[in-house]
Structures are given as C-alpha cells and as structure tokens.
N, C-alpha and C. Protein backbone atom coordinates (compact mmCIF):
# COMPACT_ATOMS: atom_id res chain seq x y z
N MET A 1 0.86 -1.17 0.00
CA MET A 1 0.00 0.00 0.00
C MET A 1 0.90 1.22 0.00
N ASP A 2 0.61 2.14 -0.87
CA ASP A 2 1.46 3.32 -0.96
C ASP A 2 0.95 4.45 -0.06
N GLU A 3 1.84 5.39 0.21
CA GLU A 3 1.52 6.51 1.10
C GLU A 3 0.40 7.37 0.55
N ALA A 4 0.31 7.51 -0.76
CA ALA A 4 -0.75 8.33 -1.34
C ALA A 4 -2.13 7.77 -1.00
N ALA A 5 -2.28 6.46 -1.04
CA ALA A 5 -3.56 5.83 -0.69
C ALA A 5 -3.90 6.07 0.78
N LEU A 6 -2.90 5.93 1.65
CA LEU A 6 -3.13 6.17 3.08
C LEU A 6 -3.50 7.62 3.34
N ARG A 7 -2.79 8.56 2.72
CA ARG A 7 -3.09 9.99 2.90
C ARG A 7 -4.48 10.32 2.35
N GLY A 8 -4.85 9.70 1.23
CA GLY A 8 -6.18 9.93 0.67
C GLY A 8 -7.28 9.44 1.61
N ALA A 9 -7.05 8.28 2.22
CA ALA A 9 -8.02 7.75 3.19
C ALA A 9 -8.13 8.69 4.39
N GLU A 10 -7.01 9.19 4.85
CA GLU A 10 -7.02 10.11 5.98
C GLU A 10 -7.76 11.41 5.64
N ARG A 11 -7.59 11.89 4.43
CA ARG A 11 -8.34 13.09 4.01
C ARG A 11 -9.84 12.82 4.02
N ARG A 12 -10.24 11.67 3.50
CA ARG A 12 -11.67 11.32 3.48
C ARG A 12 -12.23 11.18 4.89
N LEU A 13 -11.43 10.61 5.79
CA LEU A 13 -11.87 10.41 7.17
C LEU A 13 -11.80 11.68 8.00
N GLY A 14 -10.97 12.61 7.57
CA GLY A 14 -10.80 13.85 8.33
C GLY A 14 -9.92 13.68 9.56
N ARG A 15 -9.13 12.63 9.59
CA ARG A 15 -8.22 12.39 10.72
C ARG A 15 -7.17 11.37 10.27
N ARG A 16 -6.10 11.30 11.03
CA ARG A 16 -5.02 10.37 10.71
C ARG A 16 -5.38 8.96 11.15
N LEU A 17 -4.89 8.00 10.41
CA LEU A 17 -5.02 6.59 10.82
C LEU A 17 -4.06 6.34 11.97
N PRO A 18 -4.42 5.50 12.90
CA PRO A 18 -3.46 5.14 13.96
C PRO A 18 -2.20 4.54 13.33
N GLY A 19 -1.04 4.91 13.86
CA GLY A 19 0.23 4.44 13.31
C GLY A 19 0.32 2.94 13.13
N PRO A 20 -0.05 2.14 14.15
CA PRO A 20 0.04 0.68 13.98
C PRO A 20 -0.87 0.16 12.86
N LEU A 21 -2.04 0.76 12.68
CA LEU A 21 -2.94 0.33 11.59
C LEU A 21 -2.31 0.68 10.25
N ALA A 22 -1.80 1.89 10.11
CA ALA A 22 -1.15 2.29 8.86
C ALA A 22 0.03 1.37 8.55
N ASP A 23 0.79 0.99 9.58
CA ASP A 23 1.92 0.08 9.38
C ASP A 23 1.46 -1.28 8.85
N VAL A 24 0.38 -1.82 9.42
CA VAL A 24 -0.14 -3.11 8.96
C VAL A 24 -0.61 -3.00 7.51
N LEU A 25 -1.30 -1.93 7.18
CA LEU A 25 -1.78 -1.75 5.82
C LEU A 25 -0.63 -1.62 4.84
N ARG A 26 0.41 -0.87 5.22
CA ARG A 26 1.60 -0.73 4.36
C ARG A 26 2.26 -2.09 4.14
N LYS A 27 2.47 -2.81 5.22
CA LYS A 27 3.20 -4.08 5.17
C LYS A 27 2.46 -5.12 4.34
N ASN A 28 1.15 -5.14 4.44
CA ASN A 28 0.36 -6.19 3.78
C ASN A 28 -0.30 -5.75 2.49
N GLY A 29 -0.05 -4.54 2.07
CA GLY A 29 -0.64 -4.05 0.83
C GLY A 29 -2.15 -3.87 0.93
N GLY A 30 -2.66 -3.74 2.11
CA GLY A 30 -4.10 -3.59 2.32
C GLY A 30 -4.50 -4.32 3.58
N GLY A 31 -5.64 -4.94 3.58
CA GLY A 31 -6.14 -5.63 4.76
C GLY A 31 -5.44 -6.95 4.99
N VAL A 32 -5.86 -7.62 6.05
CA VAL A 32 -5.30 -8.92 6.42
C VAL A 32 -6.45 -9.92 6.49
N VAL A 33 -6.27 -11.07 5.85
CA VAL A 33 -7.27 -12.12 5.81
C VAL A 33 -6.67 -13.37 6.46
N ASP A 34 -7.46 -14.06 7.30
CA ASP A 34 -6.95 -15.27 7.94
C ASP A 34 -7.07 -16.47 6.99
N ALA A 35 -6.69 -17.63 7.47
CA ALA A 35 -6.68 -18.85 6.65
C ALA A 35 -8.06 -19.26 6.16
N TYR A 36 -9.11 -18.75 6.82
CA TYR A 36 -10.48 -19.09 6.44
C TYR A 36 -11.14 -18.02 5.57
N GLY A 37 -10.37 -17.00 5.20
CA GLY A 37 -10.90 -15.94 4.35
C GLY A 37 -11.62 -14.83 5.10
N THR A 38 -11.49 -14.82 6.42
CA THR A 38 -12.13 -13.79 7.23
C THR A 38 -11.22 -12.58 7.33
N ASP A 39 -11.80 -11.39 7.13
CA ASP A 39 -11.02 -10.16 7.29
C ASP A 39 -10.64 -9.99 8.75
N VAL A 40 -9.34 -10.00 9.03
CA VAL A 40 -8.85 -9.73 10.37
C VAL A 40 -8.64 -8.23 10.51
N VAL A 41 -8.12 -7.62 9.47
CA VAL A 41 -8.04 -6.16 9.34
C VAL A 41 -8.66 -5.84 7.99
N TRP A 42 -9.67 -5.00 8.00
CA TRP A 42 -10.35 -4.66 6.75
C TRP A 42 -9.40 -4.00 5.75
N PRO A 43 -9.68 -4.17 4.46
CA PRO A 43 -8.94 -3.40 3.45
C PRO A 43 -9.20 -1.91 3.67
N LEU A 44 -8.29 -1.07 3.23
CA LEU A 44 -8.36 0.37 3.47
C LEU A 44 -9.70 0.97 3.03
N GLU A 45 -10.16 0.63 1.86
CA GLU A 45 -11.41 1.22 1.37
C GLU A 45 -12.58 0.85 2.28
N ARG A 46 -12.60 -0.38 2.78
CA ARG A 46 -13.69 -0.76 3.69
C ARG A 46 -13.56 -0.03 5.03
N ILE A 47 -12.35 0.15 5.52
CA ILE A 47 -12.15 0.92 6.75
C ILE A 47 -12.75 2.31 6.58
N VAL A 48 -12.44 2.95 5.46
CA VAL A 48 -12.95 4.30 5.22
C VAL A 48 -14.47 4.30 5.11
N GLU A 49 -15.02 3.45 4.27
CA GLU A 49 -16.47 3.44 4.04
C GLU A 49 -17.25 3.10 5.32
N GLU A 50 -16.83 2.07 6.03
CA GLU A 50 -17.53 1.66 7.24
C GLU A 50 -17.47 2.75 8.31
N ASN A 51 -16.30 3.33 8.49
CA ASN A 51 -16.17 4.36 9.51
C ASN A 51 -16.95 5.61 9.16
N LEU A 52 -16.95 6.02 7.91
CA LEU A 52 -17.76 7.18 7.53
C LEU A 52 -19.23 6.90 7.81
N SER A 53 -19.66 5.70 7.54
CA SER A 53 -21.04 5.31 7.81
C SER A 53 -21.33 5.30 9.31
N PHE A 54 -20.44 4.69 10.08
CA PHE A 54 -20.64 4.59 11.53
C PHE A 54 -20.67 5.96 12.20
N TRP A 55 -19.82 6.87 11.74
CA TRP A 55 -19.71 8.17 12.37
C TRP A 55 -20.81 9.14 11.95
N SER A 56 -21.55 8.81 10.90
CA SER A 56 -22.48 9.79 10.34
C SER A 56 -23.88 9.75 10.93
N GLY A 57 -24.30 8.66 11.51
CA GLY A 57 -25.67 8.56 11.99
C GLY A 57 -25.76 8.56 13.50
N GLU A 58 -26.85 9.09 14.02
CA GLU A 58 -27.05 9.11 15.47
C GLU A 58 -27.11 7.71 16.06
N ALA A 59 -27.65 6.77 15.32
CA ALA A 59 -27.79 5.41 15.83
C ALA A 59 -26.43 4.80 16.18
N PHE A 60 -25.40 5.16 15.44
CA PHE A 60 -24.08 4.59 15.68
C PHE A 60 -23.15 5.52 16.45
N ALA A 61 -23.48 6.80 16.56
CA ALA A 61 -22.57 7.78 17.13
C ALA A 61 -22.04 7.38 18.51
N GLY A 62 -22.87 6.81 19.36
CA GLY A 62 -22.43 6.42 20.69
C GLY A 62 -21.77 5.06 20.75
N LEU A 63 -21.79 4.33 19.65
CA LEU A 63 -21.24 2.97 19.65
C LEU A 63 -19.85 2.88 19.05
N TYR A 64 -19.50 3.77 18.15
CA TYR A 64 -18.24 3.68 17.42
C TYR A 64 -17.42 4.93 17.64
N MET A 65 -16.21 4.76 18.14
CA MET A 65 -15.38 5.92 18.38
C MET A 65 -14.46 6.17 17.19
N PRO A 66 -14.26 7.43 16.85
CA PRO A 66 -13.34 7.75 15.76
C PRO A 66 -11.89 7.52 16.18
N PHE A 67 -11.00 7.43 15.20
CA PHE A 67 -9.58 7.33 15.49
C PHE A 67 -9.17 8.51 16.35
N GLY A 68 -8.25 8.28 17.26
CA GLY A 68 -7.74 9.35 18.09
C GLY A 68 -8.58 9.62 19.32
N THR A 69 -9.71 8.96 19.47
CA THR A 69 -10.56 9.15 20.64
C THR A 69 -10.09 8.20 21.73
N THR A 70 -9.69 8.75 22.87
CA THR A 70 -9.20 7.91 23.94
C THR A 70 -9.88 8.19 25.27
N ALA A 71 -10.72 9.20 25.36
CA ALA A 71 -11.34 9.55 26.63
C ALA A 71 -12.13 8.38 27.19
N GLY A 72 -11.78 7.93 28.37
CA GLY A 72 -12.52 6.86 29.02
C GLY A 72 -12.28 5.49 28.44
N VAL A 73 -11.29 5.35 27.60
CA VAL A 73 -11.02 4.07 26.94
C VAL A 73 -9.62 3.64 27.30
N THR A 74 -9.47 2.40 27.73
CA THR A 74 -8.15 1.89 28.03
C THR A 74 -7.46 1.48 26.75
N SER A 75 -6.16 1.57 26.74
CA SER A 75 -5.39 1.19 25.56
C SER A 75 -4.81 -0.19 25.76
N SER A 76 -5.24 -1.12 24.94
CA SER A 76 -4.77 -2.50 25.05
C SER A 76 -4.83 -3.15 23.69
N PRO A 77 -3.73 -3.73 23.22
CA PRO A 77 -3.75 -4.36 21.91
C PRO A 77 -4.64 -5.59 21.82
N SER A 78 -5.07 -6.13 22.96
CA SER A 78 -5.88 -7.33 22.91
C SER A 78 -7.37 -7.05 23.08
N SER A 79 -7.75 -5.78 23.09
CA SER A 79 -9.16 -5.45 23.25
C SER A 79 -9.69 -4.73 22.02
N SER A 80 -11.00 -4.63 21.92
CA SER A 80 -11.59 -3.97 20.75
C SER A 80 -12.31 -2.72 21.18
N GLY A 81 -13.26 -2.27 20.39
CA GLY A 81 -13.95 -1.01 20.63
C GLY A 81 -14.76 -1.02 21.91
N PRO A 82 -15.26 0.17 22.30
CA PRO A 82 -15.99 0.28 23.55
C PRO A 82 -17.27 -0.55 23.54
N SER A 83 -17.60 -1.09 24.68
CA SER A 83 -18.85 -1.84 24.90
C SER A 83 -19.06 -2.98 23.92
N GLY A 84 -18.00 -3.64 23.52
CA GLY A 84 -18.13 -4.81 22.66
C GLY A 84 -18.49 -4.49 21.23
N THR A 85 -18.18 -3.29 20.77
CA THR A 85 -18.52 -2.88 19.42
C THR A 85 -17.29 -2.91 18.54
N THR A 86 -17.48 -2.60 17.29
CA THR A 86 -16.39 -2.55 16.34
C THR A 86 -15.57 -1.30 16.55
N SER A 87 -14.26 -1.44 16.63
CA SER A 87 -13.41 -0.27 16.73
C SER A 87 -13.18 0.30 15.34
N SER A 88 -12.62 1.48 15.29
CA SER A 88 -12.42 2.15 14.02
C SER A 88 -11.40 1.48 13.13
N CYS A 89 -10.67 0.53 13.63
CA CYS A 89 -9.69 -0.13 12.79
C CYS A 89 -10.25 -1.36 12.11
N GLY A 90 -11.50 -1.66 12.35
CA GLY A 90 -12.13 -2.76 11.65
C GLY A 90 -12.15 -4.06 12.41
N SER A 91 -11.67 -4.09 13.64
CA SER A 91 -11.74 -5.31 14.42
C SER A 91 -13.17 -5.53 14.90
N THR A 92 -13.64 -6.76 14.87
CA THR A 92 -15.00 -7.03 15.31
C THR A 92 -15.03 -7.98 16.50
N ARG A 93 -13.93 -8.08 17.22
CA ARG A 93 -13.88 -8.97 18.38
C ARG A 93 -14.70 -8.39 19.52
N PRO A 94 -15.51 -9.20 20.20
CA PRO A 94 -16.30 -8.69 21.33
C PRO A 94 -15.41 -8.40 22.52
N THR A 95 -15.85 -7.51 23.37
CA THR A 95 -15.10 -7.19 24.57
C THR A 95 -16.08 -6.78 25.67
N ALA A 96 -15.59 -6.69 26.86
CA ALA A 96 -16.43 -6.29 27.99
C ALA A 96 -16.69 -4.80 27.93
N PRO A 97 -17.84 -4.32 28.44
CA PRO A 97 -18.13 -2.89 28.47
C PRO A 97 -17.00 -2.13 29.16
N GLY A 98 -16.69 -0.97 28.60
CA GLY A 98 -15.66 -0.13 29.20
C GLY A 98 -14.25 -0.44 28.73
N ARG A 99 -14.06 -1.55 28.02
CA ARG A 99 -12.73 -1.87 27.50
C ARG A 99 -12.61 -1.25 26.12
N GLY A 100 -11.43 -0.83 25.74
CA GLY A 100 -11.29 -0.15 24.46
C GLY A 100 -10.05 -0.54 23.70
N TRP A 101 -9.93 -0.02 22.54
CA TRP A 101 -8.83 -0.27 21.61
C TRP A 101 -7.70 0.65 21.92
C-alpha cells in the first residue's frame, strides 16, 4: 500500500489513521485475511467506508469511536472497541463494556 492511498483515506476520514494500523496496511498491501478468508483487518477502502457510515448517523454515534478518541477508553492491543462494538480499525472482536482499543 502506498503513502498516497493512506493519505487519501485520511483526508476522506478527516483524521489520521493510527500508526500501527497504517503500518499493517503498508506491510500487507491492504487488509489482512486469515486462513479461512475472514477479514482480520479490513482493506483500506472498507475501513474508510464503514467508519464514515458509523460516524455519520445518530444510531451509531455512541457505539463507534473515531480514530484518536481515547477519553474513558483503556489502551490495550488485545481489546476492541468500547462496549463490545467494532473499533475504528475494523476489528469485530467482542469485549467487555468499558474496554477499548
């Protein structure tokens, strides 16, 4: 994945991608798929589209935090978004309420 694609995604999102996510996308040329074909990290275009959708409606506003949001959220590489929801990086792993990405 080239830097122009990452910068274009950041412009569309209106914020920078987290460094570790950008590194994974660069290294893998996009998303990461497991042995069963499941997206472990969404491809860049899906990250952008899903997040724009999640951030735009009131129904999702309280469930999905934008990149760079850390208030009240613990930082742990083994946890996902707040209250068992999808984090902005595309992970869909469930977690306990109050735990964050």
